């Protein structure tokens, strides 16, 4: 008998309501979703569909109006803000569309930043940062500032920073949104090769249809609800 896959994220009855004047706007209207450890999932949908709200709630950046978010066995919605921050630092990595690199820092310093926040000594975090730069093919750019790098190189730095703590879950918000098609494919090849090897749970929000080809499931969101799920070979 094969082992059952372990649940990484369990979402139940997730609702998010914003009050705009006297009107209530439902960004999410009762989402149920299970994501397993090591699974790659793409979430897509038109602007305003609720996909970014869903990602923010999973990340613990916002509180749900109703519902549960259980991540690695912990209820995110029950945590205090400081507890969520500690949980993110320990278990999650983030890849952004706009890279979010610190312009005054070198490539090495940007990658090492999560370890600096943890209080890891300089020599140790610099060594680990170099290992990550080698992994993403940028070991010769350790002293470059972000403005001296191409968009694809900046995204690779962002990836190295996201994975330096070996997070169990990585969330990516439009990671190829600022890249051309060739560089987008290179970035997604890099992400998937690393995460498959590490059994990392990878949740990506993207408008790019090609991104879903790298994932195990594609979930489409519309009007705050999951309206379509495509699995397995149908994505290829």
C-alpha atoms as a PDB file:
ATOM      1  CA  UNK A   1       0.000   0.000   0.000  1.00  0.00           C
ATOM      2  CA  UNK A   2       1.445   3.351  -1.067  1.00  0.00           C
ATOM      3  CA  UNK A   3       1.821   6.149   1.456  1.00  0.00           C
ATOM      4  CA  UNK A   4      -0.857   8.825   1.251  1.00  0.00           C
ATOM      5  CA  UNK A   5       0.443  12.240   0.149  1.00  0.00           C
ATOM      6  CA  UNK A   6       0.902  14.667   3.002  1.00  0.00           C
ATOM      7  CA  UNK A   7      -1.232  17.791   3.033  1.00  0.00           C
ATOM      8  CA  UNK A   8       0.833  20.985   2.927  1.00  0.00           C
ATOM      9  CA  UNK A   9      -2.068  23.462   2.718  1.00  0.00           C
ATOM     10  CA  UNK A  10      -5.705  22.817   3.626  1.00  0.00           C
ATOM     11  CA  UNK A  11      -8.205  25.602   2.919  1.00  0.00           C
ATOM     12  CA  UNK A  12     -11.817  25.313   4.048  1.00  0.00           C
ATOM     13  CA  UNK A  13     -14.687  27.766   3.481  1.00  0.00           C
ATOM     14  CA  UNK A  14     -12.316  30.662   2.866  1.00  0.00           C
ATOM     15  CA  UNK A  15     -14.067  34.021   2.546  1.00  0.00           C
ATOM     16  CA  UNK A  16     -12.655  37.542   2.308  1.00  0.00           C
ATOM     17  CA  UNK A  17     -14.946  40.552   2.401  1.00  0.00           C
ATOM     18  CA  UNK A  18     -13.963  44.200   2.015  1.00  0.00           C
ATOM     19  CA  UNK A  19     -16.250  47.067   2.948  1.00  0.00           C
ATOM     20  CA  UNK A  20     -16.223  49.845   0.349  1.00  0.00           C
ATOM     21  CA  UNK A  21     -18.389  52.626   1.695  1.00  0.00           C
ATOM     22  CA  UNK A  22     -21.725  51.021   2.477  1.00  0.00           C
ATOM     23  CA  UNK A  23     -21.120  48.136   0.094  1.00  0.00           C
ATOM     24  CA  UNK A  24     -19.601  44.744   0.896  1.00  0.00           C
ATOM     25  CA  UNK A  25     -17.263  43.362  -1.778  1.00  0.00           C
ATOM     26  CA  UNK A  26     -16.543  39.619  -1.663  1.00  0.00           C
ATOM     27  CA  UNK A  27     -13.001  39.045  -2.951  1.00  0.00           C
ATOM     28  CA  UNK A  28     -13.329  35.366  -2.011  1.00  0.00           C
ATOM     29  CA  UNK A  29     -16.656  33.622  -1.540  1.00  0.00           C
ATOM     30  CA  UNK A  30     -16.066  30.220   0.039  1.00  0.00           C
ATOM     31  CA  UNK A  31     -12.949  28.511  -1.319  1.00  0.00           C
ATOM     32  CA  UNK A  32     -12.065  24.904  -0.492  1.00  0.00           C
ATOM     33  CA  UNK A  33      -8.660  23.658  -1.628  1.00  0.00           C
ATOM     34  CA  UNK A  34      -6.068  21.070  -0.632  1.00  0.00           C
ATOM     35  CA  UNK A  35      -2.454  21.280  -1.802  1.00  0.00           C
ATOM     36  CA  UNK A  36      -0.090  18.401  -1.056  1.00  0.00           C
ATOM     37  CA  UNK A  37       3.562  18.460  -0.060  1.00  0.00           C
ATOM     38  CA  UNK A  38       5.746  18.647  -3.158  1.00  0.00           C
ATOM     39  CA  UNK A  39       2.835  19.552  -5.445  1.00  0.00           C
ATOM     40  CA  UNK A  40       3.085  22.316  -8.040  1.00  0.00           C
ATOM     41  CA  UNK A  41      -0.105  24.358  -8.411  1.00  0.00           C
ATOM     42  CA  UNK A  42      -0.835  27.300 -10.712  1.00  0.00           C
ATOM     43  CA  UNK A  43      -3.662  29.721  -9.870  1.00  0.00           C
ATOM     44  CA  UNK A  44      -4.988  31.866 -12.687  1.00  0.00           C
ATOM     45  CA  UNK A  45      -7.885  34.222 -13.323  1.00  0.00           C
ATOM     46  CA  UNK A  46      -8.734  37.658 -14.628  1.00  0.00           C
ATOM     47  CA  UNK A  47      -7.834  40.811 -12.743  1.00  0.00           C
ATOM     48  CA  UNK A  48     -10.171  41.094  -9.770  1.00  0.00           C
ATOM     49  CA  UNK A  49     -11.014  37.369  -9.761  1.00  0.00           C
ATOM     50  CA  UNK A  50      -9.624  36.862  -6.256  1.00  0.00           C
ATOM     51  CA  UNK A  51      -6.439  34.954  -7.079  1.00  0.00           C
ATOM     52  CA  UNK A  52      -4.076  37.506  -5.487  1.00  0.00           C
ATOM     53  CA  UNK A  53      -6.302  37.725  -2.412  1.00  0.00           C
ATOM     54  CA  UNK A  54      -6.120  33.941  -2.122  1.00  0.00           C
ATOM     55  CA  UNK A  55      -2.314  34.032  -2.309  1.00  0.00           C
ATOM     56  CA  UNK A  56      -2.138  36.815   0.316  1.00  0.00           C
ATOM     57  CA  UNK A  57      -4.368  34.864   2.685  1.00  0.00           C
ATOM     58  CA  UNK A  58      -2.306  31.698   2.274  1.00  0.00           C
ATOM     59  CA  UNK A  59       0.822  33.773   2.967  1.00  0.00           C
ATOM     60  CA  UNK A  60      -0.772  35.139   6.130  1.00  0.00           C
ATOM     61  CA  UNK A  61      -0.493  38.702   4.846  1.00  0.00           C
ATOM     62  CA  UNK A  62      -4.220  39.226   5.347  1.00  0.00           C
ATOM     63  CA  UNK A  63      -6.806  37.779   7.703  1.00  0.00           C
ATOM     64  CA  UNK A  64      -9.812  35.925   6.250  1.00  0.00           C
ATOM     65  CA  UNK A  65     -13.324  37.083   7.035  1.00  0.00           C
ATOM     66  CA  UNK A  66     -14.325  33.440   7.518  1.00  0.00           C
ATOM     67  CA  UNK A  67     -12.782  30.026   6.957  1.00  0.00           C
ATOM     68  CA  UNK A  68      -9.669  28.051   7.844  1.00  0.00           C
ATOM     69  CA  UNK A  69      -6.130  27.931   6.460  1.00  0.00           C
ATOM     70  CA  UNK A  70      -4.109  25.032   7.832  1.00  0.00           C
ATOM     71  CA  UNK A  71      -0.511  25.042   6.645  1.00  0.00           C
ATOM     72  CA  UNK A  72       1.894  22.286   7.683  1.00  0.00           C
ATOM     73  CA  UNK A  73      -0.603  21.417  10.410  1.00  0.00           C
ATOM     74  CA  UNK A  74      -0.840  24.975  11.789  1.00  0.00           C
ATOM     75  CA  UNK A  75      -3.897  27.235  11.668  1.00  0.00           C
ATOM     76  CA  UNK A  76      -2.650  30.434  10.007  1.00  0.00           C
ATOM     77  CA  UNK A  77      -5.902  32.279  10.675  1.00  0.00           C
ATOM     78  CA  UNK A  78      -5.560  31.741  14.425  1.00  0.00           C
ATOM     79  CA  UNK A  79      -2.033  33.146  14.689  1.00  0.00           C
ATOM     80  CA  UNK A  80      -1.096  36.599  15.859  1.00  0.00           C
ATOM     81  CA  UNK A  81       0.819  38.822  13.438  1.00  0.00           C
ATOM     82  CA  UNK A  82       4.139  38.076  15.145  1.00  0.00           C
ATOM     83  CA  UNK A  83       3.411  34.334  15.036  1.00  0.00           C
ATOM     84  CA  UNK A  84       2.649  34.529  11.302  1.00  0.00           C
ATOM     85  CA  UNK A  85       5.898  36.402  10.678  1.00  0.00           C
ATOM     86  CA  UNK A  86       7.899  33.722  12.479  1.00  0.00           C
ATOM     87  CA  UNK A  87       6.033  30.979  10.638  1.00  0.00           C
ATOM     88  CA  UNK A  88       6.762  32.588   7.250  1.00  0.00           C
ATOM     89  CA  UNK A  89      10.445  33.007   8.032  1.00  0.00           C
ATOM     90  CA  UNK A  90      10.748  29.371   9.036  1.00  0.00           C
ATOM     91  CA  UNK A  91       8.628  27.653   6.397  1.00  0.00           C
ATOM     92  CA  UNK A  92       7.966  29.878   3.363  1.00  0.00           C
ATOM     93  CA  UNK A  93       9.782  31.520   0.492  1.00  0.00           C
ATOM     94  CA  UNK A  94       8.481  34.195  -1.882  1.00  0.00           C
ATOM     95  CA  UNK A  95       9.248  35.038  -5.519  1.00  0.00           C
ATOM     96  CA  UNK A  96       7.840  38.333  -6.817  1.00  0.00           C
ATOM     97  CA  UNK A  97       7.157  39.810 -10.247  1.00  0.00           C
ATOM     98  CA  UNK A  98       9.058  42.999  -9.410  1.00  0.00           C
ATOM     99  CA  UNK A  99      12.018  41.093  -7.863  1.00  0.00           C
ATOM    100  CA  UNK A 100      11.954  43.319  -4.718  1.00  0.00           C
ATOM    101  CA  UNK A 101      15.735  43.477  -4.474  1.00  0.00           C
ATOM    102  CA  UNK A 102      17.411  46.059  -2.243  1.00  0.00           C
ATOM    103  CA  UNK A 103      19.120  48.464  -4.693  1.00  0.00           C
ATOM    104  CA  UNK A 104      21.899  49.439  -2.264  1.00  0.00           C
ATOM    105  CA  UNK A 105      22.909  45.813  -1.656  1.00  0.00           C
ATOM    106  CA  UNK A 106      25.088  43.562  -3.787  1.00  0.00           C
ATOM    107  CA  UNK A 107      23.756  40.346  -5.264  1.00  0.00           C
ATOM    108  CA  UNK A 108      25.359  38.367  -2.438  1.00  0.00           C
ATOM    109  CA  UNK A 109      23.898  40.654   0.229  1.00  0.00           C
ATOM    110  CA  UNK A 110      20.414  40.454  -1.288  1.00  0.00           C
ATOM    111  CA  UNK A 111      20.496  36.663  -1.325  1.00  0.00           C
ATOM    112  CA  UNK A 112      21.826  36.512   2.241  1.00  0.00           C
ATOM    113  CA  UNK A 113      19.165  38.890   3.587  1.00  0.00           C
ATOM    114  CA  UNK A 114      16.810  36.208   5.018  1.00  0.00           C
ATOM    115  CA  UNK A 115      19.728  34.757   6.989  1.00  0.00           C
ATOM    116  CA  UNK A 116      20.792  38.212   8.187  1.00  0.00           C
ATOM    117  CA  UNK A 117      17.258  38.728   9.529  1.00  0.00           C
ATOM    118  CA  UNK A 118      17.638  35.455  11.427  1.00  0.00           C
ATOM    119  CA  UNK A 119      20.881  36.685  12.978  1.00  0.00           C
ATOM    120  CA  UNK A 120      23.128  34.193  11.178  1.00  0.00           C
ATOM    121  CA  UNK A 121      26.817  35.279  11.355  1.00  0.00           C
ATOM    122  CA  UNK A 122      28.213  37.019   8.273  1.00  0.00           C
ATOM    123  CA  UNK A 123      30.660  34.306   7.167  1.00  0.00           C
ATOM    124  CA  UNK A 124      28.048  31.577   7.422  1.00  0.00           C
ATOM    125  CA  UNK A 125      25.363  33.475   5.526  1.00  0.00           C
ATOM    126  CA  UNK A 126      27.833  34.638   2.849  1.00  0.00           C
ATOM    127  CA  UNK A 127      28.905  31.035   2.249  1.00  0.00           C
ATOM    128  CA  UNK A 128      25.302  29.887   1.983  1.00  0.00           C
ATOM    129  CA  UNK A 129      24.443  32.797  -0.331  1.00  0.00           C
ATOM    130  CA  UNK A 130      27.300  31.842  -2.663  1.00  0.00           C
ATOM    131  CA  UNK A 131      25.993  28.271  -2.778  1.00  0.00           C
ATOM    132  CA  UNK A 132      22.584  29.577  -3.824  1.00  0.00           C
ATOM    133  CA  UNK A 133      24.106  31.876  -6.454  1.00  0.00           C
ATOM    134  CA  UNK A 134      25.965  28.897  -7.884  1.00  0.00           C
ATOM    135  CA  UNK A 135      22.699  26.969  -7.955  1.00  0.00           C
ATOM    136  CA  UNK A 136      20.995  29.679 -10.039  1.00  0.00           C
ATOM    137  CA  UNK A 137      24.051  30.272 -12.254  1.00  0.00           C
ATOM    138  CA  UNK A 138      25.127  33.681 -10.940  1.00  0.00           C
ATOM    139  CA  UNK A 139      28.205  32.962  -8.833  1.00  0.00           C
ATOM    140  CA  UNK A 140      30.254  35.377 -10.980  1.00  0.00           C
ATOM    141  CA  UNK A 141      27.862  38.241 -10.202  1.00  0.00           C
ATOM    142  CA  UNK A 142      28.174  38.287  -6.418  1.00  0.00           C
ATOM    143  CA  UNK A 143      29.344  41.934  -6.265  1.00  0.00           C
ATOM    144  CA  UNK A 144      26.886  43.338  -8.803  1.00  0.00           C
ATOM    145  CA  UNK A 145      24.109  45.695  -7.750  1.00  0.00           C
ATOM    146  CA  UNK A 146      20.566  45.044  -9.064  1.00  0.00           C
ATOM    147  CA  UNK A 147      20.844  47.880 -11.617  1.00  0.00           C
ATOM    148  CA  UNK A 148      23.803  46.052 -13.184  1.00  0.00           C
ATOM    149  CA  UNK A 149      21.749  42.928 -13.847  1.00  0.00           C
ATOM    150  CA  UNK A 150      19.232  42.012 -16.544  1.00  0.00           C
ATOM    151  CA  UNK A 151      15.627  41.258 -15.614  1.00  0.00           C
ATOM    152  CA  UNK A 152      16.247  37.529 -15.846  1.00  0.00           C
ATOM    153  CA  UNK A 153      19.337  37.802 -13.667  1.00  0.00           C
ATOM    154  CA  UNK A 154      17.453  39.854 -11.076  1.00  0.00           C
ATOM    155  CA  UNK A 155      14.751  37.201 -10.950  1.00  0.00           C
ATOM    156  CA  UNK A 156      17.403  34.526 -10.419  1.00  0.00           C
ATOM    157  CA  UNK A 157      18.721  36.553  -7.478  1.00  0.00           C
ATOM    158  CA  UNK A 158      15.163  36.702  -6.155  1.00  0.00           C
ATOM    159  CA  UNK A 159      14.896  32.930  -6.489  1.00  0.00           C
ATOM    160  CA  UNK A 160      18.208  32.394  -4.689  1.00  0.00           C
ATOM    161  CA  UNK A 161      16.984  34.640  -1.862  1.00  0.00           C
ATOM    162  CA  UNK A 162      13.661  32.766  -1.687  1.00  0.00           C
ATOM    163  CA  UNK A 163      15.274  29.344  -1.368  1.00  0.00           C
ATOM    164  CA  UNK A 164      18.284  30.107   0.851  1.00  0.00           C
ATOM    165  CA  UNK A 165      16.392  28.866   3.925  1.00  0.00           C
ATOM    166  CA  UNK A 166      15.228  25.698   2.096  1.00  0.00           C
ATOM    167  CA  UNK A 167      11.533  26.539   2.691  1.00  0.00           C
ATOM    168  CA  UNK A 168       8.966  23.757   2.493  1.00  0.00           C
ATOM    169  CA  UNK A 169       6.536  26.024   0.643  1.00  0.00           C
ATOM    170  CA  UNK A 170       7.280  28.677  -1.996  1.00  0.00           C
ATOM    171  CA  UNK A 171       4.675  31.182  -3.177  1.00  0.00           C
ATOM    172  CA  UNK A 172       5.270  33.034  -6.444  1.00  0.00           C
ATOM    173  CA  UNK A 173       3.261  36.041  -7.647  1.00  0.00           C
ATOM    174  CA  UNK A 174       3.606  36.477 -11.439  1.00  0.00           C
ATOM    175  CA  UNK A 175       7.285  35.386 -11.348  1.00  0.00           C
ATOM    176  CA  UNK A 176       7.635  35.707 -15.145  1.00  0.00           C
ATOM    177  CA  UNK A 177       5.467  38.809 -15.546  1.00  0.00           C
ATOM    178  CA  UNK A 178       8.359  41.146 -16.387  1.00  0.00           C
ATOM    179  CA  UNK A 179      10.298  38.696 -18.549  1.00  0.00           C
ATOM    180  CA  UNK A 180      10.328  37.803 -22.249  1.00  0.00           C
ATOM    181  CA  UNK A 181       9.187  34.334 -23.284  1.00  0.00           C
ATOM    182  CA  UNK A 182      12.686  32.822 -23.544  1.00  0.00           C
ATOM    183  CA  UNK A 183      13.774  34.126 -20.140  1.00  0.00           C
ATOM    184  CA  UNK A 184      10.424  33.114 -18.643  1.00  0.00           C
ATOM    185  CA  UNK A 185      10.995  29.530 -19.750  1.00  0.00           C
ATOM    186  CA  UNK A 186      14.517  29.587 -18.299  1.00  0.00           C
ATOM    187  CA  UNK A 187      13.233  30.857 -14.942  1.00  0.00           C
ATOM    188  CA  UNK A 188      10.444  28.276 -14.770  1.00  0.00           C
ATOM    189  CA  UNK A 189      12.859  25.479 -15.758  1.00  0.00           C
ATOM    190  CA  UNK A 190      15.152  26.599 -12.939  1.00  0.00           C
ATOM    191  CA  UNK A 191      12.378  26.830 -10.351  1.00  0.00           C
ATOM    192  CA  UNK A 192      10.869  23.463 -11.178  1.00  0.00           C
ATOM    193  CA  UNK A 193      14.191  21.630 -11.331  1.00  0.00           C
ATOM    194  CA  UNK A 194      15.140  22.860  -7.852  1.00  0.00           C
ATOM    195  CA  UNK A 195      11.743  22.314  -6.281  1.00  0.00           C
ATOM    196  CA  UNK A 196      11.221  18.834  -7.730  1.00  0.00           C
ATOM    197  CA  UNK A 197      14.577  17.823  -6.297  1.00  0.00           C
ATOM    198  CA  UNK A 198      13.766  19.280  -2.870  1.00  0.00           C
ATOM    199  CA  UNK A 199      10.091  18.161  -2.798  1.00  0.00           C
ATOM    200  CA  UNK A 200       9.085  21.786  -2.265  1.00  0.00           C
ATOM    201  CA  UNK A 201       5.421  22.743  -2.459  1.00  0.00           C
ATOM    202  CA  UNK A 202       5.172  25.403  -5.173  1.00  0.00           C
ATOM    203  CA  UNK A 203       2.145  27.664  -5.545  1.00  0.00           C
ATOM    204  CA  UNK A 204       2.294  30.176  -8.384  1.00  0.00           C
ATOM    205  CA  UNK A 205      -0.167  32.874  -9.459  1.00  0.00           C
ATOM    206  CA  UNK A 206       0.218  33.753 -13.128  1.00  0.00           C
ATOM    207  CA  UNK A 207      -1.559  35.118 -16.201  1.00  0.00           C
ATOM    208  CA  UNK A 208       0.969  33.282 -18.374  1.00  0.00           C
ATOM    209  CA  UNK A 209      -0.660  30.123 -19.755  1.00  0.00           C
ATOM    210  CA  UNK A 210       2.743  28.538 -20.366  1.00  0.00           C
ATOM    211  CA  UNK A 211       3.447  28.553 -16.606  1.00  0.00           C
ATOM    212  CA  UNK A 212       0.700  25.993 -16.013  1.00  0.00           C
ATOM    213  CA  UNK A 213       2.588  23.516 -18.220  1.00  0.00           C
ATOM    214  CA  UNK A 214       5.144  23.186 -15.417  1.00  0.00           C
ATOM    215  CA  UNK A 215       2.580  22.406 -12.722  1.00  0.00           C
ATOM    216  CA  UNK A 216       0.630  19.381 -11.496  1.00  0.00           C
ATOM    217  CA  UNK A 217      -2.657  21.272 -11.308  1.00  0.00           C
ATOM    218  CA  UNK A 218      -4.025  24.499 -12.755  1.00  0.00           C
ATOM    219  CA  UNK A 219      -6.780  26.212 -10.786  1.00  0.00           C
ATOM    220  CA  UNK A 220      -8.858  28.972 -12.323  1.00  0.00           C
ATOM    221  CA  UNK A 221     -10.538  31.513 -10.052  1.00  0.00           C
ATOM    222  CA  UNK A 222     -13.515  33.671 -11.046  1.00  0.00           C
ATOM    223  CA  UNK A 223     -15.654  35.976  -8.894  1.00  0.00           C
ATOM    224  CA  UNK A 224     -13.951  34.758  -5.741  1.00  0.00           C
ATOM    225  CA  UNK A 225     -14.583  31.063  -6.378  1.00  0.00           C
ATOM    226  CA  UNK A 226     -12.721  28.154  -7.937  1.00  0.00           C
ATOM    227  CA  UNK A 227     -14.441  27.627 -11.273  1.00  0.00           C
ATOM    228  CA  UNK A 228     -12.124  25.130 -12.974  1.00  0.00           C
ATOM    229  CA  UNK A 229      -9.380  22.645 -12.083  1.00  0.00           C
ATOM    230  CA  UNK A 230      -7.196  20.975 -14.713  1.00  0.00           C
ATOM    231  CA  UNK A 231      -4.900  18.153 -13.610  1.00  0.00           C
ATOM    232  CA  UNK A 232      -2.004  16.079 -14.841  1.00  0.00           C
ATOM    233  CA  UNK A 233      -1.381  15.334 -18.491  1.00  0.00           C
ATOM    234  CA  UNK A 234      -4.089  17.754 -19.676  1.00  0.00           C
ATOM    235  CA  UNK A 235      -1.697  20.603 -18.791  1.00  0.00           C
ATOM    236  CA  UNK A 236       1.162  19.379 -20.961  1.00  0.00           C
END
